[in-house]
Amino acid sequence: MNISEWTANRLKVLCKEKNITINKLATLSGITQSTLNSIIKGESKNPRLSTIKKICIGLNISINDFFDESFDELDID
């Protein structure tokens, strides 16, 4: 699994856990729906850390929570 796939999967899991839609997450995070959709669809190959931070604020979680232990399993080349 590459970083874009991992990020997309992580966002889907977190939205499900928080019971919010991708559209609602975009609003809460202050980022555009199109940006979030490109991450979810894997079109954004390497999302910026600043974008991830905004998403974490919208989800009311820390960056450490976003990059949980499953991040260690990621195949980064």
N, C-alpha and C. Protein backbone atom coordinates (compact mmCIF):
# COMPACT_ATOMS: atom_id res chain seq x y z
N MET A 1 0.85 -1.17 0.00
CA MET A 1 0.00 0.00 0.00
C MET A 1 0.90 1.24 0.00
N ASN A 2 0.59 2.18 -0.89
CA ASN A 2 1.39 3.41 -0.93
C ASN A 2 0.74 4.48 -0.06
N ILE A 3 1.39 5.62 0.06
CA ILE A 3 0.93 6.67 0.98
C ILE A 3 -0.42 7.25 0.58
N SER A 4 -0.69 7.39 -0.71
CA SER A 4 -1.99 7.94 -1.12
C SER A 4 -3.13 6.97 -0.81
N GLU A 5 -2.89 5.68 -1.02
CA GLU A 5 -3.90 4.67 -0.68
C GLU A 5 -4.14 4.61 0.83
N TRP A 6 -3.05 4.66 1.58
CA TRP A 6 -3.16 4.62 3.04
C TRP A 6 -3.95 5.83 3.55
N THR A 7 -3.62 7.01 3.02
CA THR A 7 -4.29 8.23 3.45
C THR A 7 -5.78 8.18 3.13
N ALA A 8 -6.12 7.75 1.93
CA ALA A 8 -7.52 7.64 1.53
C ALA A 8 -8.26 6.67 2.46
N ASN A 9 -7.67 5.52 2.71
CA ASN A 9 -8.30 4.53 3.60
C ASN A 9 -8.46 5.08 5.01
N ARG A 10 -7.43 5.77 5.48
CA ARG A 10 -7.47 6.33 6.84
C ARG A 10 -8.59 7.36 6.97
N LEU A 11 -8.73 8.20 5.96
CA LEU A 11 -9.79 9.21 5.99
C LEU A 11 -11.17 8.57 6.00
N LYS A 12 -11.35 7.54 5.20
CA LYS A 12 -12.63 6.83 5.17
C LYS A 12 -12.95 6.22 6.53
N VAL A 13 -11.97 5.60 7.15
CA VAL A 13 -12.16 4.99 8.47
C VAL A 13 -12.51 6.05 9.51
N LEU A 14 -11.77 7.15 9.51
CA LEU A 14 -12.02 8.20 10.49
C LEU A 14 -13.38 8.85 10.30
N CYS A 15 -13.78 9.07 9.06
CA CYS A 15 -15.11 9.64 8.81
C CYS A 15 -16.20 8.69 9.29
N LYS A 16 -16.00 7.41 9.06
CA LYS A 16 -16.98 6.42 9.52
C LYS A 16 -17.04 6.41 11.05
N GLU A 17 -15.88 6.44 11.70
CA GLU A 17 -15.83 6.46 13.16
C GLU A 17 -16.52 7.69 13.73
N LYS A 18 -16.32 8.84 13.08
CA LYS A 18 -16.90 10.11 13.54
C LYS A 18 -18.32 10.32 13.02
N ASN A 19 -18.76 9.40 12.15
CA ASN A 19 -20.10 9.47 11.56
C ASN A 19 -20.33 10.79 10.81
N ILE A 20 -19.33 11.14 9.98
CA ILE A 20 -19.46 12.35 9.16
C ILE A 20 -19.15 12.01 7.70
N THR A 21 -19.68 12.81 6.81
CA THR A 21 -19.43 12.62 5.38
C THR A 21 -18.15 13.33 4.98
N ILE A 22 -17.66 13.01 3.81
CA ILE A 22 -16.49 13.69 3.27
C ILE A 22 -16.81 15.18 3.09
N ASN A 23 -18.02 15.48 2.65
CA ASN A 23 -18.42 16.88 2.48
C ASN A 23 -18.38 17.62 3.81
N LYS A 24 -18.89 17.00 4.86
CA LYS A 24 -18.88 17.61 6.19
C LYS A 24 -17.45 17.80 6.67
N LEU A 25 -16.59 16.82 6.41
CA LEU A 25 -15.19 16.93 6.80
C LEU A 25 -14.52 18.10 6.10
N ALA A 26 -14.83 18.30 4.83
CA ALA A 26 -14.27 19.44 4.10
C ALA A 26 -14.67 20.75 4.77
N THR A 27 -15.93 20.85 5.14
CA THR A 27 -16.42 22.06 5.82
C THR A 27 -15.73 22.25 7.16
N LEU A 28 -15.67 21.20 7.95
CA LEU A 28 -15.05 21.28 9.27
C LEU A 28 -13.56 21.60 9.20
N SER A 29 -12.92 21.13 8.12
CA SER A 29 -11.47 21.29 7.97
C SER A 29 -11.08 22.60 7.30
N GLY A 30 -12.03 23.23 6.65
CA GLY A 30 -11.71 24.46 5.95
C GLY A 30 -10.93 24.23 4.67
N ILE A 31 -11.11 23.05 4.08
CA ILE A 31 -10.48 22.77 2.79
C ILE A 31 -11.59 22.49 1.79
N THR A 32 -11.25 22.58 0.53
CA THR A 32 -12.28 22.41 -0.49
C THR A 32 -12.66 20.94 -0.63
N GLN A 33 -13.90 20.76 -1.06
CA GLN A 33 -14.41 19.41 -1.32
C GLN A 33 -13.55 18.73 -2.39
N SER A 34 -13.13 19.50 -3.40
CA SER A 34 -12.34 18.91 -4.48
C SER A 34 -10.98 18.42 -3.98
N THR A 35 -10.39 19.14 -3.05
CA THR A 35 -9.11 18.70 -2.48
C THR A 35 -9.29 17.39 -1.74
N LEU A 36 -10.31 17.34 -0.92
CA LEU A 36 -10.57 16.12 -0.16
C LEU A 36 -10.93 14.96 -1.08
N ASN A 37 -11.73 15.23 -2.11
CA ASN A 37 -12.07 14.18 -3.07
C ASN A 37 -10.84 13.65 -3.79
N SER A 38 -9.91 14.52 -4.13
CA SER A 38 -8.71 14.06 -4.83
C SER A 38 -7.85 13.18 -3.93
N ILE A 39 -7.87 13.46 -2.63
CA ILE A 39 -7.15 12.60 -1.69
C ILE A 39 -7.85 11.24 -1.58
N ILE A 40 -9.17 11.27 -1.43
CA ILE A 40 -9.95 10.04 -1.29
C ILE A 40 -9.84 9.15 -2.54
N LYS A 41 -9.83 9.77 -3.71
CA LYS A 41 -9.75 9.01 -4.97
C LYS A 41 -8.33 8.58 -5.31
N GLY A 42 -7.35 9.03 -4.53
CA GLY A 42 -5.96 8.67 -4.79
C GLY A 42 -5.31 9.50 -5.87
N GLU A 43 -5.98 10.56 -6.29
CA GLU A 43 -5.41 11.44 -7.32
C GLU A 43 -4.30 12.31 -6.75
N SER A 44 -4.40 12.63 -5.48
CA SER A 44 -3.36 13.39 -4.79
C SER A 44 -2.35 12.37 -4.26
N LYS A 45 -1.23 12.26 -4.92
CA LYS A 45 -0.27 11.21 -4.61
C LYS A 45 0.50 11.44 -3.31
N ASN A 46 0.61 12.70 -2.90
CA ASN A 46 1.37 13.01 -1.70
C ASN A 46 0.77 14.25 -1.05
N PRO A 47 -0.33 14.07 -0.29
CA PRO A 47 -0.98 15.22 0.32
C PRO A 47 -0.04 15.98 1.25
N ARG A 48 -0.16 17.29 1.25
CA ARG A 48 0.68 18.12 2.10
C ARG A 48 0.36 17.89 3.57
N LEU A 49 1.38 18.02 4.40
CA LEU A 49 1.18 17.87 5.83
C LEU A 49 0.25 18.97 6.35
N SER A 50 0.31 20.15 5.77
CA SER A 50 -0.58 21.24 6.20
C SER A 50 -2.04 20.87 5.93
N THR A 51 -2.30 20.16 4.85
CA THR A 51 -3.66 19.70 4.55
C THR A 51 -4.09 18.64 5.56
N ILE A 52 -3.20 17.71 5.85
CA ILE A 52 -3.49 16.67 6.85
C ILE A 52 -3.77 17.31 8.21
N LYS A 53 -3.00 18.34 8.55
CA LYS A 53 -3.22 19.02 9.83
C LYS A 53 -4.61 19.65 9.88
N LYS A 54 -5.04 20.28 8.78
CA LYS A 54 -6.38 20.87 8.73
C LYS A 54 -7.45 19.79 8.88
N ILE A 55 -7.22 18.66 8.24
CA ILE A 55 -8.16 17.54 8.35
C ILE A 55 -8.24 17.07 9.80
N CYS A 56 -7.10 16.97 10.45
CA CYS A 56 -7.07 16.55 11.86
C CYS A 56 -7.83 17.53 12.74
N ILE A 57 -7.69 18.81 12.47
CA ILE A 57 -8.44 19.82 13.23
C ILE A 57 -9.93 19.61 13.01
N GLY A 58 -10.32 19.38 11.76
CA GLY A 58 -11.73 19.12 11.46
C GLY A 58 -12.27 17.87 12.13
N LEU A 59 -11.42 16.87 12.27
CA LEU A 59 -11.82 15.62 12.93
C LEU A 59 -11.67 15.68 14.44
N ASN A 60 -11.05 16.77 14.92
CA ASN A 60 -10.79 16.94 16.34
C ASN A 60 -9.90 15.82 16.89
N ILE A 61 -8.83 15.53 16.12
CA ILE A 61 -7.84 14.54 16.54
C ILE A 61 -6.45 15.14 16.35
N SER A 62 -5.47 14.53 16.97
CA SER A 62 -4.09 14.98 16.80
C SER A 62 -3.49 14.34 15.55
N ILE A 63 -2.41 14.91 15.09
CA ILE A 63 -1.69 14.31 13.96
C ILE A 63 -1.18 12.93 14.36
N ASN A 64 -0.78 12.77 15.61
CA ASN A 64 -0.35 11.46 16.09
C ASN A 64 -1.46 10.43 15.97
N ASP A 65 -2.70 10.86 16.26
CA ASP A 65 -3.83 9.95 16.11
C ASP A 65 -4.07 9.60 14.65
N PHE A 66 -3.87 10.58 13.77
CA PHE A 66 -4.05 10.30 12.35
C PHE A 66 -3.05 9.26 11.87
N PHE A 67 -1.78 9.48 12.23
CA PHE A 67 -0.72 8.55 11.85
C PHE A 67 -0.55 7.51 12.95
N ASP A 68 -1.53 6.65 13.10
CA ASP A 68 -1.49 5.63 14.14
C ASP A 68 -0.49 4.53 13.78
N GLU A 69 -0.51 3.49 14.55
CA GLU A 69 0.46 2.40 14.35
C GLU A 69 0.38 1.74 12.98
N SER A 70 -0.76 1.83 12.32
CA SER A 70 -0.87 1.22 10.99
C SER A 70 0.00 1.92 9.96
N PHE A 71 0.42 3.15 10.26
CA PHE A 71 1.29 3.88 9.34
C PHE A 71 2.65 3.18 9.21
N ASP A 72 3.06 2.47 10.26
CA ASP A 72 4.33 1.75 10.24
C ASP A 72 4.35 0.65 9.19
N GLU A 73 3.19 0.17 8.81
CA GLU A 73 3.08 -0.90 7.82
C GLU A 73 3.16 -0.40 6.38
N LEU A 74 3.19 0.92 6.23
CA LEU A 74 3.17 1.54 4.91
C LEU A 74 4.47 1.26 4.16
N ASP A 75 4.33 0.99 2.87
CA ASP A 75 5.49 0.75 2.01
C ASP A 75 5.89 2.07 1.37
N ILE A 76 6.88 2.73 1.95
CA ILE A 76 7.34 4.03 1.44
C ILE A 76 8.65 3.84 0.68
N ASP A 77 8.59 4.23 -0.59
CA ASP A 77 9.78 4.16 -1.44
C ASP A 77 10.21 5.54 -1.86
